[in-house]
Amino acid sequence: MYQKIRSVLFASLLVLLFAQAAYPALRTVGPVSPTDPADPNYNGFPMWYRDAKGVALELPNPPAGDGVTAPTMIFDPVDAANPFSSQIGFGTEAFYFLASSTMNLANGGQAILVLGLEAAFASGDAVDKQQIVFARVRIRIDAPVAGDYTVIHPYGQRVFTVTTPGTKAINETIDIGVSPGSFTGALKGKIGPFLKATTMAPGVSPAEWVGDGVTSSTVTGSPTGNNRFRIVGPNGSNIGGVGVNFVETTQFVVSGKIFSGTAFTINRATYSRTASGTTVDVWAHIPLPIDPTISLTATVGGQAPVAMTQSGAFFFAQFPFAAPAFPTNVQVTGTTAGLKPTTLQKPLVDVVDITQATYSLSGQLLTIKATSSDTVGAPVLTARGWGASTALIAGSVTVSLPIPPTSVTVSSSQGGSQSQFVVLVP
């Protein structure tokens, strides 16, 4: 069975420009929290994805619902033989968002549309550190005759040229963002803003769900205004009946659990420690659009929370830490009117400052000097960048190399690191 997608350069450019103008899609992705795999609430996936309209959908541990009864998220059942699957509450895949539509064609064929934001694993089975999230658009159509078929859906339009008609003559799945541990790729897909079902099962709140995962309903939210699944076939296809060469539906089954907390990320949590004391610095960021009622506080080691200073979408706090035990994490709590408080953690690390990274062309020597913001704990600094690594002694190291590396990185045993281009000297 063979089909091809019409590809004309000029048309492709028009489609690209249209897509950039019309598809705000997804705007931001939340942090992985908790970050400790030993935490029973850990699943290794981002807490939420947020669209350009400010709607954030979550993937809790375990996913909300049972996968069958409204309201529910859509996910594979747990693989009891897989310990990590049992921990996270689903098998090989779960959906932050899913909108699916199916049409029966007049000639006995079927058309399927799947629009989703999917959490899965690059390894196939549920394995930690193999987590991926991608935006999926799947179109499958039993085409009765050869010719061009135009498919219109809430997130775009495609033209397929079928040369060999039959079951699944049109069978395309586009997944954007398939990269283990890198969760921003899905933001480049066509999914978003999230569609919302206009009808849900009794008792299901639209403030908590964009769709209940079970009820067939019309939807709102298409960035093009095409809240439908429509197929226009060639003359003689009769996909809508005798003499009718088009078919469409406005019915979708939508699933998505709205994140009920405050959406933010901790960008940096560092400390400086001297004989006179320890200072903690914390930076955080909230996604657009900004809710004017949001506030963030930061704390370490059980100290009283410190209010973070806000400038637009950015927050900062600096405060001293004084306690016998040195803290390993910073906790930031976000509160927003009408939402549940959200607390995130981020490991507290030192600041590494590379003061010299030079390569002598005449002597073929690479010299690296660096310091740590922790002058009390005496962390071990290690340099790398030329296919090997070596520890700094008293903050310095010199390495004989035939050619200079492009850059070097110095890492601290206290978690901090810095990279810098190498400067060439005579």
Protein backbone atom coordinates (compact mmCIF):
# COMPACT_ATOMS: atom_id res chain seq x y z
CA MET A 1 0.00 0.00 0.00
CA TYR A 2 1.49 3.28 -1.03
CA GLN A 3 0.71 6.89 -0.50
CA LYS A 4 2.61 10.12 -0.63
CA ILE A 5 2.10 13.58 0.76
CA ARG A 6 2.14 16.32 -1.85
CA SER A 7 5.24 18.37 -1.31
CA VAL A 8 5.64 21.60 -3.25
CA LEU A 9 8.23 24.08 -2.00
CA PHE A 10 6.07 27.15 -2.38
CA ALA A 11 3.10 25.50 -0.73
CA SER A 12 5.33 24.27 2.09
CA LEU A 13 6.57 27.79 2.73
CA LEU A 14 3.00 29.07 2.85
CA VAL A 15 2.05 26.32 5.28
CA LEU A 16 5.06 27.14 7.47
CA LEU A 17 4.24 30.84 7.56
CA PHE A 18 0.59 30.09 8.28
CA ALA A 19 1.56 27.70 11.06
CA GLN A 20 3.81 30.26 12.71
CA ALA A 21 1.09 32.89 12.61
CA ALA A 22 -1.88 30.73 13.56
CA TYR A 23 -0.56 28.17 16.01
CA PRO A 24 0.50 29.55 19.38
CA ALA A 25 0.51 25.90 20.46
CA LEU A 26 2.19 25.16 23.79
CA ARG A 27 4.18 27.84 25.59
CA THR A 28 5.98 26.33 28.57
CA VAL A 29 6.78 23.05 30.28
CA GLY A 30 6.97 22.61 34.03
CA PRO A 31 9.73 21.06 36.11
CA VAL A 32 10.21 17.42 36.94
CA SER A 33 9.17 17.31 40.57
CA PRO A 34 9.94 15.54 42.78
CA THR A 35 13.43 14.89 41.38
CA ASP A 36 14.41 12.04 43.68
CA PRO A 37 13.56 8.63 42.10
CA ALA A 38 13.18 7.23 45.60
CA ASP A 39 10.26 9.57 46.30
CA PRO A 40 6.98 7.64 45.90
CA ASN A 41 5.51 10.58 43.93
CA TYR A 42 8.35 10.57 41.37
CA ASN A 43 7.59 9.63 37.75
CA GLY A 44 10.36 11.52 35.95
CA PHE A 45 7.96 13.54 33.78
CA PRO A 46 7.23 17.29 33.85
CA MET A 47 4.50 18.29 36.29
CA TRP A 48 2.61 20.20 33.59
CA TYR A 49 2.51 21.67 30.11
CA ARG A 50 0.96 25.11 29.63
CA ASP A 51 -0.58 26.51 26.46
CA ALA A 52 -0.59 30.09 25.17
CA LYS A 53 -3.96 30.72 26.83
CA GLY A 54 -2.60 29.90 30.27
CA VAL A 55 -4.16 26.44 30.63
CA ALA A 56 -1.78 23.94 32.24
CA LEU A 57 -2.44 20.19 32.10
CA GLU A 58 -0.75 17.84 34.53
CA LEU A 59 0.55 14.28 34.78
CA PRO A 60 0.32 13.33 38.45
CA ASN A 61 1.57 10.10 39.98
CA PRO A 62 -0.55 8.07 39.48
CA PRO A 63 -2.58 9.54 36.59
CA ALA A 64 -6.02 10.80 37.59
CA GLY A 65 -8.90 8.40 37.02
CA ASP A 66 -9.02 4.76 36.04
CA GLY A 67 -8.67 5.13 32.27
CA VAL A 68 -12.27 4.04 31.72
CA THR A 69 -14.74 5.93 33.92
CA ALA A 70 -15.36 9.68 33.57
CA PRO A 71 -13.51 11.77 34.50
CA THR A 72 -10.22 10.15 33.62
CA MET A 73 -6.87 10.67 32.01
CA ILE A 74 -5.99 8.19 29.25
CA PHE A 75 -3.14 5.77 29.98
CA ASP A 76 -1.98 2.19 29.69
CA PRO A 77 -2.70 -0.04 32.68
CA VAL A 78 0.14 -0.81 35.04
CA ASP A 79 2.52 -3.60 34.08
CA ALA A 80 2.62 -5.54 37.34
CA ALA A 81 5.88 -7.22 36.32
CA ASN A 82 7.59 -3.82 35.94
CA PRO A 83 8.47 -2.15 39.29
CA PHE A 84 8.80 1.32 37.77
CA SER A 85 5.45 0.98 36.01
CA SER A 86 3.90 0.08 39.37
CA GLN A 87 5.53 3.14 40.95
CA ILE A 88 4.26 5.65 38.37
CA GLY A 89 0.78 4.16 37.94
CA PHE A 90 0.73 3.41 34.21
CA GLY A 91 2.30 1.15 31.62
CA THR A 92 4.07 2.41 28.51
CA GLU A 93 2.16 5.64 27.83
CA ALA A 94 -0.07 8.28 29.38
CA PHE A 95 -1.55 11.47 27.93
CA TYR A 96 -1.44 14.96 29.38
CA PHE A 97 -3.97 15.76 26.66
CA LEU A 98 -5.85 13.64 24.15
CA ALA A 99 -8.55 14.54 21.64
CA SER A 100 -9.69 11.77 19.32
CA SER A 101 -12.36 11.60 16.66
CA THR A 102 -13.64 8.72 14.52
CA MET A 103 -15.87 8.80 11.44
CA ASN A 104 -17.52 5.92 9.62
CA LEU A 105 -17.37 6.52 5.87
CA ALA A 106 -20.33 5.84 3.57
CA ASN A 107 -18.42 3.12 1.70
CA GLY A 108 -17.83 1.13 4.89
CA GLY A 109 -14.39 2.58 5.63
CA GLN A 110 -13.26 4.49 8.67
CA ALA A 111 -11.32 7.67 9.44
CA ILE A 112 -9.45 8.28 12.70
CA LEU A 113 -7.88 11.48 14.06
CA VAL A 114 -5.70 11.51 17.20
CA LEU A 115 -4.37 14.76 18.68
CA GLY A 116 -2.32 14.28 21.81
CA LEU A 117 0.44 15.30 24.17
CA GLU A 118 1.89 11.95 25.19
CA ALA A 119 4.24 10.77 27.92
CA ALA A 120 6.07 7.58 27.02
CA PHE A 121 9.48 5.90 27.08
CA ALA A 122 12.18 5.77 24.42
CA SER A 123 12.93 2.22 25.53
CA GLY A 124 9.32 1.14 24.99
CA ASP A 125 8.84 -0.29 28.46
CA ALA A 126 8.60 1.92 31.54
CA VAL A 127 12.24 2.55 32.44
CA ASP A 128 13.49 5.52 34.45
CA LYS A 129 15.72 8.00 32.56
CA GLN A 130 14.00 6.99 29.29
CA GLN A 131 11.07 9.38 29.70
CA ILE A 132 9.92 11.25 26.58
CA VAL A 133 7.03 13.63 25.87
CA PHE A 134 5.87 14.38 22.35
CA ALA A 135 3.09 16.17 20.49
CA ARG A 136 1.23 13.70 18.27
CA VAL A 137 -0.98 14.19 15.20
CA ARG A 138 -2.21 10.88 13.76
CA ILE A 139 -4.46 10.57 10.70
CA ARG A 140 -5.69 7.21 9.40
CA ILE A 141 -8.21 6.99 6.58
CA ASP A 142 -9.54 4.10 4.50
CA ALA A 143 -9.45 5.81 1.09
CA PRO A 144 -11.88 4.23 -1.42
CA VAL A 145 -10.36 5.68 -4.63
CA ALA A 146 -7.10 7.21 -5.80
CA GLY A 147 -6.69 10.96 -5.77
CA ASP A 148 -6.17 13.92 -3.45
CA TYR A 149 -7.73 13.99 0.01
CA THR A 150 -7.77 17.18 2.05
CA VAL A 151 -7.91 16.65 5.82
CA ILE A 152 -8.91 19.56 8.04
CA HIS A 153 -8.65 19.33 11.81
CA PRO A 154 -8.45 21.76 14.76
CA TYR A 155 -4.66 22.19 14.47
CA GLY A 156 -4.15 22.33 10.75
CA GLN A 157 -4.74 20.99 7.26
CA ARG A 158 -3.02 18.31 5.18
CA VAL A 159 -3.35 17.17 1.55
CA PHE A 160 -2.64 13.51 0.86
CA THR A 161 -2.23 12.04 -2.62
CA VAL A 162 -3.35 8.41 -2.65
CA THR A 163 -2.19 6.22 -5.52
CA THR A 164 -3.21 2.86 -4.06
CA PRO A 165 -6.60 3.07 -2.32
CA GLY A 166 -7.68 0.74 0.45
CA THR A 167 -7.59 0.25 4.20
CA LYS A 168 -5.39 2.87 5.87
CA ALA A 169 -4.28 4.17 2.49
CA ILE A 170 -3.69 7.38 4.42
CA ASN A 171 -1.72 6.50 7.51
CA GLU A 172 0.41 9.27 8.99
CA THR A 173 1.70 9.80 12.52
CA ILE A 174 3.81 12.86 13.29
CA ASP A 175 5.44 12.88 16.74
CA ILE A 176 7.39 16.01 17.70
CA GLY A 177 9.67 15.97 20.76
CA VAL A 178 10.95 12.40 20.99
CA SER A 179 14.16 12.90 22.99
CA PRO A 180 14.75 11.18 26.36
CA GLY A 181 15.00 13.63 29.24
CA SER A 182 14.50 16.71 27.02
CA PHE A 183 10.93 17.87 27.41
CA THR A 184 10.90 21.13 25.45
CA GLY A 185 10.71 19.45 22.04
CA ALA A 186 6.97 18.88 22.39
CA LEU A 187 6.50 22.66 22.50
CA LYS A 188 7.42 22.73 18.79
CA GLY A 189 4.57 20.43 17.78
CA LYS A 190 1.11 21.37 16.47
CA ILE A 191 -0.77 20.53 19.67
CA GLY A 192 -2.15 23.60 21.41
CA PRO A 193 -3.95 25.51 22.64
CA PHE A 194 -5.66 22.63 24.39
CA LEU A 195 -9.15 21.88 23.06
CA LYS A 196 -11.97 21.93 25.58
CA ALA A 197 -15.05 19.73 25.49
CA THR A 198 -18.35 21.59 25.68
CA THR A 199 -20.10 18.64 27.34
CA MET A 200 -18.85 16.36 30.11
CA ALA A 201 -20.37 13.76 32.40
CA PRO A 202 -22.56 15.06 35.24
CA GLY A 203 -20.50 16.33 38.15
CA VAL A 204 -17.28 16.84 36.18
CA SER A 205 -16.00 20.38 36.67
CA PRO A 206 -14.66 22.34 33.67
CA ALA A 207 -12.38 24.08 36.17
CA GLU A 208 -10.65 20.73 36.74
CA TRP A 209 -10.88 19.01 33.35
CA VAL A 210 -10.75 20.10 29.70
CA GLY A 211 -12.52 16.83 28.87
CA ASP A 212 -13.61 13.81 30.88
CA GLY A 213 -11.95 11.18 28.66
CA VAL A 214 -15.23 9.38 27.93
CA THR A 215 -17.98 11.71 26.69
CA SER A 216 -18.27 12.50 22.97
CA SER A 217 -18.67 16.24 22.57
CA THR A 218 -18.16 19.28 20.42
CA VAL A 219 -15.05 21.26 21.30
CA THR A 220 -13.73 24.80 21.45
CA GLY A 221 -10.21 26.15 21.24
CA SER A 222 -9.01 25.52 17.69
CA PRO A 223 -6.52 28.28 16.77
CA THR A 224 -7.95 28.25 13.22
CA GLY A 225 -11.59 28.06 14.24
CA ASN A 226 -11.89 24.57 12.72
CA ASN A 227 -13.32 22.73 15.70
CA ARG A 228 -14.06 19.72 13.50
CA PHE A 229 -12.57 16.77 11.64
CA ARG A 230 -13.34 17.10 7.93
CA ILE A 231 -12.22 15.10 4.87
CA VAL A 232 -12.69 16.30 1.31
CA GLY A 233 -12.10 13.47 -1.17
CA PRO A 234 -11.65 13.44 -4.94
CA ASN A 235 -14.61 13.28 -7.31
CA GLY A 236 -16.14 9.85 -7.23
CA SER A 237 -14.93 8.99 -3.75
CA ASN A 238 -18.51 9.15 -2.38
CA ILE A 239 -17.13 9.10 1.18
CA GLY A 240 -20.18 11.00 2.43
CA GLY A 241 -22.70 9.05 0.33
CA VAL A 242 -23.57 8.77 -3.33
CA GLY A 243 -22.38 11.93 -5.05
CA VAL A 244 -21.03 13.36 -1.78
CA ASN A 245 -17.28 13.62 -1.69
CA PHE A 246 -16.80 15.03 1.79
CA VAL A 247 -17.55 14.00 5.33
CA GLU A 248 -17.05 15.71 8.69
CA THR A 249 -17.78 15.49 12.39
CA THR A 250 -17.63 17.92 15.28
CA GLN A 251 -17.55 15.14 17.86
CA PHE A 252 -14.38 14.47 19.88
CA VAL A 253 -13.52 12.61 23.04
CA VAL A 254 -11.21 14.88 25.03
CA SER A 255 -9.16 14.10 28.13
CA GLY A 256 -6.96 16.41 30.19
CA LYS A 257 -6.61 17.18 33.89
CA ILE A 258 -6.03 20.85 34.65
CA PHE A 259 -3.06 21.52 36.94
CA SER A 260 -4.59 22.80 40.16
CA GLY A 261 -1.47 24.38 41.61
CA THR A 262 0.74 27.38 40.89
CA ALA A 263 2.84 26.98 37.75
CA PHE A 264 6.47 28.08 38.15
CA THR A 265 10.03 26.81 37.86
CA ILE A 266 13.15 27.26 39.98
CA ASN A 267 15.86 28.42 37.60
CA ARG A 268 18.80 28.50 39.99
CA ALA A 269 19.57 27.77 43.65
CA THR A 270 23.14 28.51 44.72
CA TYR A 271 25.04 29.38 47.88
CA SER A 272 28.17 31.13 49.06
CA ARG A 273 29.90 29.97 52.23
CA THR A 274 32.70 31.69 54.10
CA ALA A 275 33.97 31.59 57.67
CA SER A 276 31.53 34.36 58.53
CA GLY A 277 28.40 32.59 57.26
CA THR A 278 26.36 31.19 54.38
CA THR A 279 24.21 33.09 51.88
CA VAL A 280 21.57 31.44 49.68
CA ASP A 281 20.44 32.86 46.30
CA VAL A 282 17.29 31.63 44.53
CA TRP A 283 15.85 32.55 41.12
CA ALA A 284 12.41 31.45 39.88
CA HIS A 285 10.22 32.09 36.87
CA ILE A 286 6.49 31.98 36.16
CA PRO A 287 5.00 31.38 32.69
CA LEU A 288 3.01 33.95 30.77
CA PRO A 289 0.35 35.23 31.04
CA ILE A 290 1.13 36.47 34.55
CA ASP A 291 -1.49 36.03 37.26
CA PRO A 292 -1.32 39.20 39.41
CA THR A 293 -2.20 37.24 42.56
CA ILE A 294 0.85 34.96 42.42
CA SER A 295 3.52 35.08 45.10
CA LEU A 296 6.58 32.92 45.83
CA THR A 297 8.46 32.22 49.04
CA ALA A 298 11.76 30.40 49.51
CA THR A 299 13.28 28.51 52.41
CA VAL A 300 16.09 26.11 53.31
CA GLY A 301 16.58 23.77 56.21
CA GLY A 302 13.28 24.55 57.89
CA GLN A 303 13.93 28.27 58.25
CA ALA A 304 11.09 30.77 58.09
CA PRO A 305 10.05 31.35 54.45
CA VAL A 306 11.40 34.46 52.75
CA ALA A 307 9.22 36.36 50.28
CA MET A 308 10.78 36.48 46.82
CA THR A 309 10.98 39.81 45.01
CA GLN A 310 9.10 39.90 41.70
CA SER A 311 9.99 41.69 38.46
CA GLY A 312 7.55 40.71 35.74
CA ALA A 313 7.78 36.95 35.31
CA PHE A 314 10.97 36.64 37.37
CA PHE A 315 11.52 36.22 41.11
CA PHE A 316 14.64 36.46 43.28
CA ALA A 317 15.54 36.03 46.95
CA GLN A 318 18.79 36.21 48.89
CA PHE A 319 18.97 35.30 52.54
CA PRO A 320 21.41 33.97 55.12
CA PHE A 321 21.39 30.42 56.39
CA ALA A 322 22.50 29.63 59.90
CA ALA A 323 22.11 26.09 61.21
CA PRO A 324 24.40 23.24 62.28
CA ALA A 325 23.52 21.05 59.28
CA PHE A 326 24.12 22.36 55.80
CA PRO A 327 20.95 22.18 53.61
CA THR A 328 20.92 20.13 50.41
CA ASN A 329 17.77 21.59 48.83
CA VAL A 330 15.92 24.84 48.44
CA GLN A 331 12.12 24.79 48.72
CA VAL A 332 10.05 27.36 46.86
CA THR A 333 6.30 27.59 47.44
CA GLY A 334 4.00 29.34 44.99
CA THR A 335 0.53 30.54 45.89
CA THR A 336 -2.15 31.90 43.56
CA ALA A 337 -5.68 32.98 44.40
CA GLY A 338 -8.09 30.09 43.92
CA LEU A 339 -5.36 27.48 43.40
CA LYS A 340 -3.56 25.03 45.64
CA PRO A 341 -0.11 26.03 46.93
CA THR A 342 2.70 24.28 45.07
CA THR A 343 6.10 23.52 46.57
CA LEU A 344 9.13 22.61 44.45
CA GLN A 345 12.64 21.60 45.48
CA LYS A 346 15.95 22.19 43.77
CA PRO A 347 19.40 20.99 44.87
CA LEU A 348 21.50 23.76 46.42
CA VAL A 349 24.88 24.00 44.66
CA ASP A 350 27.96 26.21 44.84
CA VAL A 351 28.97 28.73 42.19
CA VAL A 352 32.04 27.84 40.13
CA ASP A 353 33.96 30.76 38.64
CA ILE A 354 36.55 30.02 35.94
CA THR A 355 39.08 32.83 36.27
CA GLN A 356 41.44 31.57 33.56
CA ALA A 357 41.15 29.19 30.60
CA THR A 358 44.08 29.82 28.27
CA TYR A 359 46.11 27.77 25.83
CA SER A 360 49.71 28.64 25.05
CA LEU A 361 50.34 28.03 21.33
CA SER A 362 54.10 28.04 21.78
CA GLY A 363 54.16 25.80 24.83
CA GLN A 364 51.08 23.72 23.92
CA LEU A 365 49.84 24.10 27.48
CA LEU A 366 46.28 24.51 28.68
CA THR A 367 45.97 26.42 31.96
CA ILE A 368 42.74 26.45 33.95
CA LYS A 369 42.08 28.33 37.16
CA ALA A 370 38.79 28.35 39.04
CA THR A 371 37.24 29.04 42.40
CA SER A 372 34.18 27.89 44.31
CA SER A 373 31.78 30.06 46.27
CA ASP A 374 32.24 27.55 49.09
CA THR A 375 35.51 28.50 50.80
CA VAL A 376 34.78 26.41 53.89
CA GLY A 377 33.75 23.01 52.53
CA ALA A 378 36.79 22.81 50.22
CA PRO A 379 34.92 21.15 47.34
CA VAL A 380 36.93 19.25 44.72
CA LEU A 381 37.04 21.06 41.37
CA THR A 382 37.46 18.95 38.24
CA ALA A 383 38.18 20.26 34.73
CA ARG A 384 37.24 18.53 31.48
CA GLY A 385 36.77 19.32 27.82
CA TRP A 386 39.59 17.63 25.92
CA GLY A 387 38.44 14.01 26.13
CA ALA A 388 39.75 13.61 29.67
CA SER A 389 39.38 15.21 33.10
CA THR A 390 41.67 16.21 35.91
CA ALA A 391 41.31 17.71 39.38
CA LEU A 392 42.45 21.24 40.13
CA ILE A 393 45.11 21.59 42.83
CA ALA A 394 44.81 24.77 44.85
CA GLY A 395 42.40 26.03 42.20
CA SER A 396 44.70 25.49 39.21
CA VAL A 397 45.80 22.88 36.68
CA THR A 398 48.03 22.86 33.61
CA VAL A 399 47.65 20.20 30.91
CA SER A 400 49.91 19.50 27.92
CA LEU A 401 47.84 19.13 24.74
CA PRO A 402 48.80 19.11 21.04
CA ILE A 403 45.84 21.35 20.11
CA PRO A 404 43.58 23.59 22.18
CA PRO A 405 40.06 22.47 23.10
CA THR A 406 37.20 24.74 22.12
CA SER A 407 36.03 25.16 25.69
CA VAL A 408 36.47 23.70 29.15
CA THR A 409 34.08 22.91 31.98
CA VAL A 410 34.91 22.96 35.66
CA SER A 411 32.61 21.00 37.97
CA SER A 412 32.47 21.05 41.74
CA SER A 413 31.85 18.16 44.10
CA GLN A 414 29.20 20.45 45.62
CA GLY A 415 27.20 20.38 42.36
CA GLY A 416 28.15 23.65 40.69
CA SER A 417 29.74 23.95 37.24
CA GLN A 418 30.77 26.50 34.66
CA SER A 419 31.86 26.29 31.02
CA GLN A 420 34.04 28.79 29.21
CA PHE A 421 35.72 29.22 25.83
CA VAL A 422 39.47 28.75 25.80
CA VAL A 423 41.49 31.88 25.05
CA LEU A 424 44.55 31.39 22.81
CA VAL A 425 47.78 33.12 23.84
CA PRO A 426 51.24 33.14 22.19
